[in-house]
Amino acid sequence: MHFSDKTLVRKLAIVLVLKLTVLMALWWFFVRENRVAVDENSAATQLLTFTPDTTPRTQP
């Protein structure tokens, strides 16, 4: 591995760590406390109910 290859790998690793840090910070400040209440009965009904596809289909 050449010197320029090692430099590229190091720069890519730094960028990756910075991106992950920013993503974690955004999640920590904006998403962490948000919760979605799920009613088990309504979720089961929605998953088990058949709804036909009513969108019109076009022929090629």
C-alpha atoms as a PDB file:
ATOM      1  CA  MET A   1       0.000   0.000   0.000  1.00  0.00           C
ATOM      2  CA  HIS A   2       1.396   3.364  -1.032  1.00  0.00           C
ATOM      3  CA  PHE A   3       1.539   6.460   1.125  1.00  0.00           C
ATOM      4  CA  SER A   4      -1.259   8.150  -0.862  1.00  0.00           C
ATOM      5  CA  ASP A   5      -3.477   5.082  -0.332  1.00  0.00           C
ATOM      6  CA  LYS A   6      -2.954   5.256   3.434  1.00  0.00           C
ATOM      7  CA  THR A   7      -3.764   8.965   3.388  1.00  0.00           C
ATOM      8  CA  LEU A   8      -6.957   8.322   1.435  1.00  0.00           C
ATOM      9  CA  VAL A   9      -8.021   5.573   3.851  1.00  0.00           C
ATOM     10  CA  ARG A  10      -7.344   7.843   6.821  1.00  0.00           C
ATOM     11  CA  LYS A  11      -9.325  10.726   5.287  1.00  0.00           C
ATOM     12  CA  LEU A  12     -12.240   8.431   4.449  1.00  0.00           C
ATOM     13  CA  ALA A  13     -12.236   7.033   7.974  1.00  0.00           C
ATOM     14  CA  ILE A  14     -12.284  10.551   9.438  1.00  0.00           C
ATOM     15  CA  VAL A  15     -15.177  11.573   7.192  1.00  0.00           C
ATOM     16  CA  LEU A  16     -17.088   8.415   8.104  1.00  0.00           C
ATOM     17  CA  VAL A  17     -16.610   8.984  11.833  1.00  0.00           C
ATOM     18  CA  LEU A  18     -17.697  12.628  11.483  1.00  0.00           C
ATOM     19  CA  LYS A  19     -20.824  11.646   9.535  1.00  0.00           C
ATOM     20  CA  LEU A  20     -21.766   9.012  12.097  1.00  0.00           C
ATOM     21  CA  THR A  21     -21.211  11.514  14.894  1.00  0.00           C
ATOM     22  CA  VAL A  22     -23.463  14.079  13.208  1.00  0.00           C
ATOM     23  CA  LEU A  23     -26.169  11.468  12.571  1.00  0.00           C
ATOM     24  CA  MET A  24     -26.062  10.306  16.180  1.00  0.00           C
ATOM     25  CA  ALA A  25     -26.230  13.907  17.433  1.00  0.00           C
ATOM     26  CA  LEU A  26     -29.241  14.639  15.203  1.00  0.00           C
ATOM     27  CA  TRP A  27     -30.984  11.492  16.440  1.00  0.00           C
ATOM     28  CA  TRP A  28     -30.136  12.300  20.061  1.00  0.00           C
ATOM     29  CA  PHE A  29     -31.533  15.848  19.912  1.00  0.00           C
ATOM     30  CA  PHE A  30     -34.555  15.391  17.630  1.00  0.00           C
ATOM     31  CA  VAL A  31     -35.737  11.766  17.562  1.00  0.00           C
ATOM     32  CA  ARG A  32     -34.793  10.074  20.822  1.00  0.00           C
ATOM     33  CA  GLU A  33     -37.796  11.233  22.854  1.00  0.00           C
ATOM     34  CA  ASN A  34     -40.419  10.684  20.140  1.00  0.00           C
ATOM     35  CA  ARG A  35     -42.552   7.597  20.589  1.00  0.00           C
ATOM     36  CA  VAL A  36     -45.428   6.202  18.565  1.00  0.00           C
ATOM     37  CA  ALA A  37     -48.289   4.626  20.456  1.00  0.00           C
ATOM     38  CA  VAL A  38     -49.452   1.437  18.764  1.00  0.00           C
ATOM     39  CA  ASP A  39     -52.792  -0.159  19.499  1.00  0.00           C
ATOM     40  CA  GLU A  40     -52.346  -3.917  19.082  1.00  0.00           C
ATOM     41  CA  ASN A  41     -55.908  -4.537  17.914  1.00  0.00           C
ATOM     42  CA  SER A  42     -55.929  -1.839  15.245  1.00  0.00           C
ATOM     43  CA  ALA A  43     -52.493  -2.926  13.996  1.00  0.00           C
ATOM     44  CA  ALA A  44     -53.631  -6.545  13.740  1.00  0.00           C
ATOM     45  CA  THR A  45     -56.825  -5.503  11.957  1.00  0.00           C
ATOM     46  CA  GLN A  46     -54.901  -3.387   9.487  1.00  0.00           C
ATOM     47  CA  LEU A  47     -52.407  -6.162   8.768  1.00  0.00           C
ATOM     48  CA  LEU A  48     -54.989  -8.912   8.424  1.00  0.00           C
ATOM     49  CA  THR A  49     -57.621  -7.009   6.416  1.00  0.00           C
ATOM     50  CA  PHE A  50     -57.546  -7.441   2.654  1.00  0.00           C
ATOM     51  CA  THR A  51     -57.955  -4.216   0.693  1.00  0.00           C
ATOM     52  CA  PRO A  52     -58.101  -4.586  -3.083  1.00  0.00           C
ATOM     53  CA  ASP A  53     -55.856  -2.395  -5.190  1.00  0.00           C
ATOM     54  CA  THR A  54     -58.123   0.230  -6.762  1.00  0.00           C
ATOM     55  CA  THR A  55     -55.500   2.164  -8.679  1.00  0.00           C
ATOM     56  CA  PRO A  56     -56.084   2.119 -12.434  1.00  0.00           C
ATOM     57  CA  ARG A  57     -53.533   0.173 -14.391  1.00  0.00           C
ATOM     58  CA  THR A  58     -52.229   1.310 -17.736  1.00  0.00           C
ATOM     59  CA  GLN A  59     -51.168  -1.062 -20.460  1.00  0.00           C
ATOM     60  CA  PRO A  60     -47.777  -0.506 -22.057  1.00  0.00           C
END
